Full PDB file with SEQRES, HELIX, SHEET, SSBOND, CRYST1, ORIGX, SCALE, CONECT and MASTER records, all heavy atoms in Angstrom:
SEQRES   1 A   36  ARG THR LEU ALA TYR LEU GLU GLN ARG PRO GLU GLU ARG          
SEQRES   2 A   36  LEU ALA VAL VAL THR HIS GLY THR TYR LEU HIS MET LEU          
SEQRES   3 A   36  VAL ALA LEU MET ILE PHE GLY ASP LYS LEU                      
HELIX    1 AA1 THR A    2  GLN A    8  1                                   7    
HELIX    2 AA2 GLY A   20  PHE A   32  1                                  13    
HELIX    3 AA3 GLY A   33  LYS A   35  5                                   3    
CRYST1    1.000    1.000    1.000  90.00  90.00  90.00 P 1           1          
ORIGX1      1.000000  0.000000  0.000000        0.00000                         
ORIGX2      0.000000  1.000000  0.000000        0.00000                         
ORIGX3      0.000000  0.000000  1.000000        0.00000                         
SCALE1      1.000000  0.000000  0.000000        0.00000                         
SCALE2      0.000000  1.000000  0.000000        0.00000                         
SCALE3      0.000000  0.000000  1.000000        0.00000                         
ATOM      1  N   ARG A   1      14.024 -23.204  11.009  1.00  0.00           N  
ATOM      2  CA  ARG A   1      13.413 -22.762   9.749  1.00  0.00           C  
ATOM      3  C   ARG A   1      13.026 -21.287   9.823  1.00  0.00           C  
ATOM      4  O   ARG A   1      13.179 -20.537   8.860  1.00  0.00           O  
ATOM      5  CB  ARG A   1      12.197 -23.624   9.403  1.00  0.00           C  
ATOM      6  CG  ARG A   1      12.553 -25.036   8.962  1.00  0.00           C  
ATOM      7  CD  ARG A   1      11.372 -25.812   8.376  1.00  0.00           C  
ATOM      8  NE  ARG A   1      10.152 -25.784   9.157  1.00  0.00           N  
ATOM      9  CZ  ARG A   1       9.855 -26.655  10.137  1.00  0.00           C  
ATOM     10  NH1 ARG A   1      10.707 -27.618  10.442  1.00  0.00           N  
ATOM     11  NH2 ARG A   1       8.697 -26.558  10.780  1.00  0.00           N  
ATOM     12  N   THR A   2      12.524 -20.862  10.976  1.00  0.00           N  
ATOM     13  CA  THR A   2      12.164 -19.451  11.157  1.00  0.00           C  
ATOM     14  C   THR A   2      13.394 -18.560  11.045  1.00  0.00           C  
ATOM     15  O   THR A   2      13.370 -17.532  10.360  1.00  0.00           O  
ATOM     16  CB  THR A   2      11.480 -19.239  12.527  1.00  0.00           C  
ATOM     17  OG1 THR A   2      10.280 -20.002  12.550  1.00  0.00           O  
ATOM     18  CG2 THR A   2      11.179 -17.771  12.773  1.00  0.00           C  
ATOM     19  N   LEU A   3      14.483 -18.937  11.704  1.00  0.00           N  
ATOM     20  CA  LEU A   3      15.701 -18.126  11.633  1.00  0.00           C  
ATOM     21  C   LEU A   3      16.237 -18.062  10.202  1.00  0.00           C  
ATOM     22  O   LEU A   3      16.648 -16.990   9.737  1.00  0.00           O  
ATOM     23  CB  LEU A   3      16.772 -18.675  12.584  1.00  0.00           C  
ATOM     24  CG  LEU A   3      16.474 -18.516  14.073  1.00  0.00           C  
ATOM     25  CD1 LEU A   3      17.562 -19.182  14.901  1.00  0.00           C  
ATOM     26  CD2 LEU A   3      16.312 -17.053  14.458  1.00  0.00           C  
ATOM     27  N   ALA A   4      16.216 -19.173   9.496  1.00  0.00           N  
ATOM     28  CA  ALA A   4      16.668 -19.179   8.097  1.00  0.00           C  
ATOM     29  C   ALA A   4      15.795 -18.249   7.256  1.00  0.00           C  
ATOM     30  O   ALA A   4      16.303 -17.500   6.401  1.00  0.00           O  
ATOM     31  CB  ALA A   4      16.647 -20.596   7.536  1.00  0.00           C  
ATOM     32  N   TYR A   5      14.496 -18.271   7.506  1.00  0.00           N  
ATOM     33  CA  TYR A   5      13.576 -17.383   6.798  1.00  0.00           C  
ATOM     34  C   TYR A   5      13.901 -15.923   7.102  1.00  0.00           C  
ATOM     35  O   TYR A   5      13.987 -15.090   6.195  1.00  0.00           O  
ATOM     36  CB  TYR A   5      12.136 -17.725   7.197  1.00  0.00           C  
ATOM     37  CG  TYR A   5      11.102 -16.758   6.680  1.00  0.00           C  
ATOM     38  CD1 TYR A   5      10.662 -16.815   5.364  1.00  0.00           C  
ATOM     39  CD2 TYR A   5      10.569 -15.782   7.516  1.00  0.00           C  
ATOM     40  CE1 TYR A   5       9.712 -15.920   4.884  1.00  0.00           C  
ATOM     41  CE2 TYR A   5       9.616 -14.889   7.047  1.00  0.00           C  
ATOM     42  CZ  TYR A   5       9.197 -14.957   5.732  1.00  0.00           C  
ATOM     43  OH  TYR A   5       8.271 -14.072   5.262  1.00  0.00           O  
ATOM     44  N   LEU A   6      14.089 -15.606   8.375  1.00  0.00           N  
ATOM     45  CA  LEU A   6      14.386 -14.224   8.765  1.00  0.00           C  
ATOM     46  C   LEU A   6      15.711 -13.744   8.182  1.00  0.00           C  
ATOM     47  O   LEU A   6      15.850 -12.586   7.792  1.00  0.00           O  
ATOM     48  CB  LEU A   6      14.400 -14.091  10.293  1.00  0.00           C  
ATOM     49  CG  LEU A   6      13.058 -14.291  10.991  1.00  0.00           C  
ATOM     50  CD1 LEU A   6      13.244 -14.327  12.499  1.00  0.00           C  
ATOM     51  CD2 LEU A   6      12.073 -13.212  10.573  1.00  0.00           C  
ATOM     52  N   GLU A   7      16.687 -14.646   8.117  1.00  0.00           N  
ATOM     53  CA  GLU A   7      18.003 -14.284   7.574  1.00  0.00           C  
ATOM     54  C   GLU A   7      17.923 -13.908   6.097  1.00  0.00           C  
ATOM     55  O   GLU A   7      18.747 -13.141   5.606  1.00  0.00           O  
ATOM     56  CB  GLU A   7      18.983 -15.448   7.768  1.00  0.00           C  
ATOM     57  CG  GLU A   7      19.366 -15.671   9.214  1.00  0.00           C  
ATOM     58  CD  GLU A   7      20.074 -16.987   9.459  1.00  0.00           C  
ATOM     59  OE1 GLU A   7      20.484 -17.666   8.475  1.00  0.00           O  
ATOM     60  OE2 GLU A   7      20.224 -17.361  10.641  1.00  0.00           O  
ATOM     61  N   GLN A   8      16.940 -14.410   5.382  1.00  0.00           N  
ATOM     62  CA  GLN A   8      16.797 -14.151   3.943  1.00  0.00           C  
ATOM     63  C   GLN A   8      15.922 -12.942   3.625  1.00  0.00           C  
ATOM     64  O   GLN A   8      15.842 -12.534   2.472  1.00  0.00           O  
ATOM     65  CB  GLN A   8      16.222 -15.397   3.245  1.00  0.00           C  
ATOM     66  CG  GLN A   8      17.083 -16.628   3.388  1.00  0.00           C  
ATOM     67  CD  GLN A   8      18.486 -16.409   2.863  1.00  0.00           C  
ATOM     68  OE1 GLN A   8      18.677 -15.892   1.772  1.00  0.00           O  
ATOM     69  NE2 GLN A   8      19.481 -16.777   3.657  1.00  0.00           N  
ATOM     70  N   ARG A   9      15.267 -12.383   4.626  1.00  0.00           N  
ATOM     71  CA  ARG A   9      14.369 -11.254   4.390  1.00  0.00           C  
ATOM     72  C   ARG A   9      15.173 -10.024   3.967  1.00  0.00           C  
ATOM     73  O   ARG A   9      16.223  -9.752   4.529  1.00  0.00           O  
ATOM     74  CB  ARG A   9      13.555 -10.924   5.644  1.00  0.00           C  
ATOM     75  CG  ARG A   9      12.645 -12.040   6.117  1.00  0.00           C  
ATOM     76  CD  ARG A   9      11.545 -12.361   5.172  1.00  0.00           C  
ATOM     77  NE  ARG A   9      10.801 -11.139   4.845  1.00  0.00           N  
ATOM     78  CZ  ARG A   9       9.860 -11.078   3.937  1.00  0.00           C  
ATOM     79  NH1 ARG A   9       9.531 -12.135   3.253  1.00  0.00           N  
ATOM     80  NH2 ARG A   9       9.236  -9.946   3.694  1.00  0.00           N  
ATOM     81  N   PRO A  10      14.678  -9.263   2.991  1.00  0.00           N  
ATOM     82  CA  PRO A  10      15.417  -8.095   2.516  1.00  0.00           C  
ATOM     83  C   PRO A  10      15.239  -6.846   3.395  1.00  0.00           C  
ATOM     84  O   PRO A  10      16.044  -5.918   3.306  1.00  0.00           O  
ATOM     85  CB  PRO A  10      14.825  -7.845   1.130  1.00  0.00           C  
ATOM     86  CG  PRO A  10      13.415  -8.359   1.240  1.00  0.00           C  
ATOM     87  CD  PRO A  10      13.502  -9.548   2.173  1.00  0.00           C  
ATOM     88  N   GLU A  11      14.215  -6.839   4.259  1.00  0.00           N  
ATOM     89  CA  GLU A  11      13.950  -5.651   5.060  1.00  0.00           C  
ATOM     90  C   GLU A  11      15.076  -5.395   6.058  1.00  0.00           C  
ATOM     91  O   GLU A  11      15.711  -6.311   6.559  1.00  0.00           O  
ATOM     92  CB  GLU A  11      12.635  -5.793   5.840  1.00  0.00           C  
ATOM     93  CG  GLU A  11      11.410  -5.888   4.978  1.00  0.00           C  
ATOM     94  CD  GLU A  11      11.101  -7.292   4.502  1.00  0.00           C  
ATOM     95  OE1 GLU A  11      11.849  -8.242   4.808  1.00  0.00           O  
ATOM     96  OE2 GLU A  11      10.088  -7.449   3.799  1.00  0.00           O  
ATOM     97  N   GLU A  12      15.265  -4.114   6.362  1.00  0.00           N  
ATOM     98  CA  GLU A  12      16.264  -3.746   7.365  1.00  0.00           C  
ATOM     99  C   GLU A  12      15.766  -4.040   8.778  1.00  0.00           C  
ATOM    100  O   GLU A  12      16.540  -4.392   9.659  1.00  0.00           O  
ATOM    101  CB  GLU A  12      16.607  -2.263   7.230  1.00  0.00           C  
ATOM    102  CG  GLU A  12      17.747  -1.828   8.125  1.00  0.00           C  
ATOM    103  CD  GLU A  12      18.163  -0.396   7.871  1.00  0.00           C  
ATOM    104  OE1 GLU A  12      18.143   0.038   6.702  1.00  0.00           O  
ATOM    105  OE2 GLU A  12      18.513   0.282   8.849  1.00  0.00           O  
ATOM    106  N   ARG A  13      14.453  -3.898   8.997  1.00  0.00           N  
ATOM    107  CA  ARG A  13      13.861  -4.136  10.317  1.00  0.00           C  
ATOM    108  C   ARG A  13      12.592  -4.974  10.170  1.00  0.00           C  
ATOM    109  O   ARG A  13      11.790  -4.735   9.284  1.00  0.00           O  
ATOM    110  CB  ARG A  13      13.503  -2.814  10.991  1.00  0.00           C  
ATOM    111  CG  ARG A  13      14.697  -2.022  11.408  1.00  0.00           C  
ATOM    112  CD  ARG A  13      14.273  -0.812  12.233  1.00  0.00           C  
ATOM    113  NE  ARG A  13      15.428  -0.138  12.744  1.00  0.00           N  
ATOM    114  CZ  ARG A  13      16.000   0.914  12.167  1.00  0.00           C  
ATOM    115  NH1 ARG A  13      15.508   1.397  11.049  1.00  0.00           N  
ATOM    116  NH2 ARG A  13      17.059   1.470  12.701  1.00  0.00           N  
ATOM    117  N   LEU A  14      12.437  -5.916  11.079  1.00  0.00           N  
ATOM    118  CA  LEU A  14      11.233  -6.748  11.137  1.00  0.00           C  
ATOM    119  C   LEU A  14      10.789  -6.867  12.580  1.00  0.00           C  
ATOM    120  O   LEU A  14      11.626  -6.887  13.486  1.00  0.00           O  
ATOM    121  CB  LEU A  14      11.520  -8.163  10.617  1.00  0.00           C  
ATOM    122  CG  LEU A  14      11.839  -8.330   9.150  1.00  0.00           C  
ATOM    123  CD1 LEU A  14      12.342  -9.731   8.875  1.00  0.00           C  
ATOM    124  CD2 LEU A  14      10.596  -8.051   8.325  1.00  0.00           C  
ATOM    125  N   ALA A  15       9.505  -6.981  12.802  1.00  0.00           N  
ATOM    126  CA  ALA A  15       8.976  -7.286  14.129  1.00  0.00           C  
ATOM    127  C   ALA A  15       8.467  -8.723  14.103  1.00  0.00           C  
ATOM    128  O   ALA A  15       7.712  -9.109  13.210  1.00  0.00           O  
ATOM    129  CB  ALA A  15       7.844  -6.341  14.500  1.00  0.00           C  
ATOM    130  N   VAL A  16       8.902  -9.496  15.062  1.00  0.00           N  
ATOM    131  CA  VAL A  16       8.463 -10.881  15.196  1.00  0.00           C  
ATOM    132  C   VAL A  16       7.730 -10.969  16.531  1.00  0.00           C  
ATOM    133  O   VAL A  16       8.299 -10.649  17.570  1.00  0.00           O  
ATOM    134  CB  VAL A  16       9.659 -11.859  15.168  1.00  0.00           C  
ATOM    135  CG1 VAL A  16       9.197 -13.284  15.413  1.00  0.00           C  
ATOM    136  CG2 VAL A  16      10.416 -11.727  13.856  1.00  0.00           C  
ATOM    137  N   VAL A  17       6.480 -11.379  16.497  1.00  0.00           N  
ATOM    138  CA  VAL A  17       5.670 -11.472  17.707  1.00  0.00           C  
ATOM    139  C   VAL A  17       5.442 -12.954  17.997  1.00  0.00           C  
ATOM    140  O   VAL A  17       4.993 -13.701  17.121  1.00  0.00           O  
ATOM    141  CB  VAL A  17       4.328 -10.729  17.530  1.00  0.00           C  
ATOM    142  CG1 VAL A  17       3.484 -10.841  18.784  1.00  0.00           C  
ATOM    143  CG2 VAL A  17       4.577  -9.275  17.149  1.00  0.00           C  
ATOM    144  N   THR A  18       5.753 -13.377  19.220  1.00  0.00           N  
ATOM    145  CA  THR A  18       5.619 -14.780  19.558  1.00  0.00           C  
ATOM    146  C   THR A  18       5.434 -14.942  21.060  1.00  0.00           C  
ATOM    147  O   THR A  18       5.458 -13.967  21.810  1.00  0.00           O  
ATOM    148  CB  THR A  18       6.849 -15.569  19.056  1.00  0.00           C  
ATOM    149  OG1 THR A  18       6.602 -16.962  19.232  1.00  0.00           O  
ATOM    150  CG2 THR A  18       8.122 -15.179  19.785  1.00  0.00           C  
ATOM    151  N   HIS A  19       5.293 -16.176  21.486  1.00  0.00           N  
ATOM    152  CA  HIS A  19       5.156 -16.505  22.901  1.00  0.00           C  
ATOM    153  C   HIS A  19       6.519 -16.863  23.482  1.00  0.00           C  
ATOM    154  O   HIS A  19       7.484 -17.088  22.759  1.00  0.00           O  
ATOM    155  CB  HIS A  19       4.172 -17.657  23.083  1.00  0.00           C  
ATOM    156  CG  HIS A  19       2.774 -17.280  22.735  1.00  0.00           C  
ATOM    157  ND1 HIS A  19       1.944 -16.634  23.623  1.00  0.00           N  
ATOM    158  CD2 HIS A  19       2.074 -17.417  21.586  1.00  0.00           C  
ATOM    159  CE1 HIS A  19       0.789 -16.405  23.043  1.00  0.00           C  
ATOM    160  NE2 HIS A  19       0.830 -16.873  21.804  1.00  0.00           N  
ATOM    161  N   GLY A  20       6.563 -16.946  24.802  1.00  0.00           N  
ATOM    162  CA  GLY A  20       7.811 -17.092  25.538  1.00  0.00           C  
ATOM    163  C   GLY A  20       8.669 -18.283  25.192  1.00  0.00           C  
ATOM    164  O   GLY A  20       9.868 -18.146  24.950  1.00  0.00           O  
ATOM    165  N   THR A  21       8.095 -19.477  25.167  1.00  0.00           N  
ATOM    166  CA  THR A  21       8.915 -20.670  24.904  1.00  0.00           C  
ATOM    167  C   THR A  21       9.534 -20.610  23.514  1.00  0.00           C  
ATOM    168  O   THR A  21      10.708 -20.934  23.338  1.00  0.00           O  
ATOM    169  CB  THR A  21       8.083 -21.950  25.075  1.00  0.00           C  
ATOM    170  OG1 THR A  21       7.614 -22.008  26.427  1.00  0.00           O  
ATOM    171  CG2 THR A  21       8.905 -23.193  24.778  1.00  0.00           C  
ATOM    172  N   TYR A  22       8.765 -20.166  22.547  1.00  0.00           N  
ATOM    173  CA  TYR A  22       9.308 -20.088  21.183  1.00  0.00           C  
ATOM    174  C   TYR A  22      10.379 -19.004  21.091  1.00  0.00           C  
ATOM    175  O   TYR A  22      11.401 -19.207  20.432  1.00  0.00           O  
ATOM    176  CB  TYR A  22       8.183 -19.848  20.177  1.00  0.00           C  
ATOM    177  CG  TYR A  22       8.605 -20.146  18.757  1.00  0.00           C  
ATOM    178  CD1 TYR A  22       8.969 -21.434  18.386  1.00  0.00           C  
ATOM    179  CD2 TYR A  22       8.657 -19.149  17.798  1.00  0.00           C  
ATOM    180  CE1 TYR A  22       9.361 -21.723  17.085  1.00  0.00           C  
ATOM    181  CE2 TYR A  22       9.043 -19.422  16.494  1.00  0.00           C  
ATOM    182  CZ  TYR A  22       9.398 -20.712  16.151  1.00  0.00           C  
ATOM    183  OH  TYR A  22       9.793 -20.985  14.863  1.00  0.00           O  
ATOM    184  N   LEU A  23      10.184 -17.879  21.768  1.00  0.00           N  
ATOM    185  CA  LEU A  23      11.225 -16.852  21.795  1.00  0.00           C  
ATOM    186  C   LEU A  23      12.489 -17.389  22.454  1.00  0.00           C  
ATOM    187  O   LEU A  23      13.600 -17.163  21.968  1.00  0.00           O  
ATOM    188  CB  LEU A  23      10.742 -15.597  22.528  1.00  0.00           C  
ATOM    189  CG  LEU A  23      11.781 -14.487  22.665  1.00  0.00           C  
ATOM    190  CD1 LEU A  23      12.286 -14.012  21.302  1.00  0.00           C  
ATOM    191  CD2 LEU A  23      11.204 -13.326  23.463  1.00  0.00           C  
ATOM    192  N   HIS A  24      12.322 -18.128  23.536  1.00  0.00           N  
ATOM    193  CA  HIS A  24      13.484 -18.748  24.175  1.00  0.00           C  
ATOM    194  C   HIS A  24      14.220 -19.655  23.186  1.00  0.00           C  
ATOM    195  O   HIS A  24      15.450 -19.649  23.123  1.00  0.00           O  
ATOM    196  CB  HIS A  24      13.063 -19.564  25.404  1.00  0.00           C  
ATOM    197  CG  HIS A  24      12.849 -18.744  26.621  1.00  0.00           C  
ATOM    198  ND1 HIS A  24      11.647 -18.686  27.267  1.00  0.00           N  
ATOM    199  CD2 HIS A  24      13.684 -17.945  27.325  1.00  0.00           C  
ATOM    200  CE1 HIS A  24      11.741 -17.895  28.323  1.00  0.00           C  
ATOM    201  NE2 HIS A  24      12.975 -17.425  28.368  1.00  0.00           N  
ATOM    202  N   MET A  25      13.468 -20.436  22.422  1.00  0.00           N  
ATOM    203  CA  MET A  25      14.100 -21.338  21.458  1.00  0.00           C  
ATOM    204  C   MET A  25      14.821 -20.545  20.373  1.00  0.00           C  
ATOM    205  O   MET A  25      15.952 -20.871  20.005  1.00  0.00           O  
ATOM    206  CB  MET A  25      13.080 -22.293  20.845  1.00  0.00           C  
ATOM    207  CG  MET A  25      13.673 -23.262  19.829  1.00  0.00           C  
ATOM    208  SD  MET A  25      15.014 -24.333  20.457  1.00  0.00           S  
ATOM    209  CE  MET A  25      14.045 -25.589  21.285  1.00  0.00           C  
ATOM    210  N   LEU A  26      14.183 -19.515  19.832  1.00  0.00           N  
ATOM    211  CA  LEU A  26      14.830 -18.709  18.789  1.00  0.00           C  
ATOM    212  C   LEU A  26      16.149 -18.130  19.290  1.00  0.00           C  
ATOM    213  O   LEU A  26      17.187 -18.241  18.623  1.00  0.00           O  
ATOM    214  CB  LEU A  26      13.902 -17.580  18.335  1.00  0.00           C  
ATOM    215  CG  LEU A  26      12.686 -17.973  17.510  1.00  0.00           C  
ATOM    216  CD1 LEU A  26      11.762 -16.772  17.337  1.00  0.00           C  
ATOM    217  CD2 LEU A  26      13.090 -18.541  16.157  1.00  0.00           C  
ATOM    218  N   VAL A  27      16.126 -17.528  20.467  1.00  0.00           N  
ATOM    219  CA  VAL A  27      17.329 -16.886  20.998  1.00  0.00           C  
ATOM    220  C   VAL A  27      18.373 -17.926  21.384  1.00  0.00           C  
ATOM    221  O   VAL A  27      19.567 -17.739  21.130  1.00  0.00           O  
ATOM    222  CB  VAL A  27      16.984 -15.943  22.163  1.00  0.00           C  
ATOM    223  CG1 VAL A  27      18.241 -15.413  22.840  1.00  0.00           C  
ATOM    224  CG2 VAL A  27      16.129 -14.781  21.652  1.00  0.00           C  
ATOM    225  N   ALA A  28      17.974 -19.036  21.969  1.00  0.00           N  
ATOM    226  CA  ALA A  28      18.935 -20.090  22.309  1.00  0.00           C  
ATOM    227  C   ALA A  28      19.638 -20.606  21.049  1.00  0.00           C  
ATOM    228  O   ALA A  28      20.841 -20.846  21.051  1.00  0.00           O  
ATOM    229  CB  ALA A  28      18.238 -21.230  23.051  1.00  0.00           C  
ATOM    230  N   LEU A  29      18.886 -20.749  19.954  1.00  0.00           N  
ATOM    231  CA  LEU A  29      19.492 -21.189  18.701  1.00  0.00           C  
ATOM    232  C   LEU A  29      20.391 -20.105  18.107  1.00  0.00           C  
ATOM    233  O   LEU A  29      21.405 -20.419  17.472  1.00  0.00           O  
ATOM    234  CB  LEU A  29      18.421 -21.614  17.698  1.00  0.00           C  
ATOM    235  CG  LEU A  29      17.744 -22.937  18.016  1.00  0.00           C  
ATOM    236  CD1 LEU A  29      16.502 -23.129  17.145  1.00  0.00           C  
ATOM    237  CD2 LEU A  29      18.710 -24.101  17.848  1.00  0.00           C  
ATOM    238  N   MET A  30      20.050 -18.843  18.302  1.00  0.00           N  
ATOM    239  CA  MET A  30      20.938 -17.763  17.865  1.00  0.00           C  
ATOM    240  C   MET A  30      22.287 -17.877  18.571  1.00  0.00           C  
ATOM    241  O   MET A  30      23.332 -17.625  17.981  1.00  0.00           O  
ATOM    242  CB  MET A  30      20.332 -16.393  18.189  1.00  0.00           C  
ATOM    243  CG  MET A  30      19.159 -16.009  17.331  1.00  0.00           C  
ATOM    244  SD  MET A  30      18.487 -14.433  17.938  1.00  0.00           S  
ATOM    245  CE  MET A  30      17.005 -14.318  16.949  1.00  0.00           C  
ATOM    246  N   ILE A  31      22.256 -18.257  19.837  1.00  0.00           N  
ATOM    247  CA  ILE A  31      23.469 -18.333  20.650  1.00  0.00           C  
ATOM    248  C   ILE A  31      24.231 -19.638  20.408  1.00  0.00           C  
ATOM    249  O   ILE A  31      25.435 -19.631  20.153  1.00  0.00           O  
ATOM    250  CB  ILE A  31      23.117 -18.182  22.141  1.00  0.00           C  
ATOM    251  CG1 ILE A  31      22.528 -16.795  22.400  1.00  0.00           C  
ATOM    252  CG2 ILE A  31      24.333 -18.443  23.029  1.00  0.00           C  
ATOM    253  CD1 ILE A  31      21.869 -16.642  23.763  1.00  0.00           C  
ATOM    254  N   PHE A  32      23.536 -20.777  20.482  1.00  0.00           N  
ATOM    255  CA  PHE A  32      24.192 -22.088  20.428  1.00  0.00           C  
ATOM    256  C   PHE A  32      24.176 -22.734  19.047  1.00  0.00           C  
ATOM    257  O   PHE A  32      24.880 -23.712  18.821  1.00  0.00           O  
ATOM    258  CB  PHE A  32      23.538 -23.046  21.427  1.00  0.00           C  
ATOM    259  CG  PHE A  32      23.715 -22.647  22.856  1.00  0.00           C  
ATOM    260  CD1 PHE A  32      22.691 -22.037  23.554  1.00  0.00           C  
ATOM    261  CD2 PHE A  32      24.914 -22.867  23.517  1.00  0.00           C  
ATOM    262  CE1 PHE A  32      22.843 -21.660  24.878  1.00  0.00           C  
ATOM    263  CE2 PHE A  32      25.088 -22.500  24.836  1.00  0.00           C  
ATOM    264  CZ  PHE A  32      24.045 -21.887  25.515  1.00  0.00           C  
ATOM    265  N   GLY A  33      23.340 -22.233  18.154  1.00  0.00           N  
ATOM    266  CA  GLY A  33      23.226 -22.849  16.843  1.00  0.00           C  
ATOM    267  C   GLY A  33      22.611 -24.225  16.926  1.00  0.00           C  
ATOM    268  O   GLY A  33      21.976 -24.588  17.923  1.00  0.00           O  
ATOM    269  N   ASP A  34      22.813 -25.015  15.879  1.00  0.00           N  
ATOM    270  CA  ASP A  34      22.175 -26.336  15.832  1.00  0.00           C  
ATOM    271  C   ASP A  34      22.840 -27.352  16.760  1.00  0.00           C  
ATOM    272  O   ASP A  34      22.454 -28.505  16.794  1.00  0.00           O  
ATOM    273  CB  ASP A  34      22.099 -26.860  14.398  1.00  0.00           C  
ATOM    274  CG  ASP A  34      23.462 -27.043  13.749  1.00  0.00           C  
ATOM    275  OD1 ASP A  34      24.499 -26.821  14.403  1.00  0.00           O  
ATOM    276  OD2 ASP A  34      23.487 -27.401  12.561  1.00  0.00           O  
ATOM    277  N   LYS A  35      23.805 -26.915  17.546  1.00  0.00           N  
ATOM    278  CA  LYS A  35      24.432 -27.773  18.567  1.00  0.00           C  
ATOM    279  C   LYS A  35      23.664 -27.719  19.889  1.00  0.00           C  
ATOM    280  O   LYS A  35      24.001 -28.407  20.835  1.00  0.00           O  
ATOM    281  CB  LYS A  35      25.877 -27.344  18.817  1.00  0.00           C  
ATOM    282  CG  LYS A  35      26.750 -27.324  17.588  1.00  0.00           C  
ATOM    283  CD  LYS A  35      27.065 -28.720  17.115  1.00  0.00           C  
ATOM    284  CE  LYS A  35      28.103 -28.682  16.007  1.00  0.00           C  
ATOM    285  NZ  LYS A  35      27.672 -29.315  14.801  1.00  0.00           N  
ATOM    286  N   LEU A  36      22.632 -26.876  19.958  1.00  0.00           N  
ATOM    287  CA  LEU A  36      21.822 -26.742  21.170  1.00  0.00           C  
ATOM    288  C   LEU A  36      21.238 -28.093  21.563  1.00  0.00           C  
ATOM    289  O   LEU A  36      20.685 -28.807  20.728  1.00  0.00           O  
ATOM    290  CB  LEU A  36      20.685 -25.741  20.925  1.00  0.00           C  
ATOM    291  CG  LEU A  36      19.711 -25.515  22.072  1.00  0.00           C  
ATOM    292  CD1 LEU A  36      20.389 -24.769  23.216  1.00  0.00           C  
ATOM    293  CD2 LEU A  36      18.485 -24.756  21.584  1.00  0.00           C  
TER     294      LEU A  36                                                      
MASTER        0    0    0    3    0    0    0    6  293    1    0    3          
END                                                                             
C-alpha cells in the first residue's frame, strides 16, 4: 500500500523515513514484487 501511494505522488522527490525491517520490506517488494 505504501509503494502504491508513493507511485501516485506528483512530487519529483520525496523523503521516506522508516525503520530497518520496514525499509527491507519496501525494497524487497520493489525487487520481487508481490511474488515475494
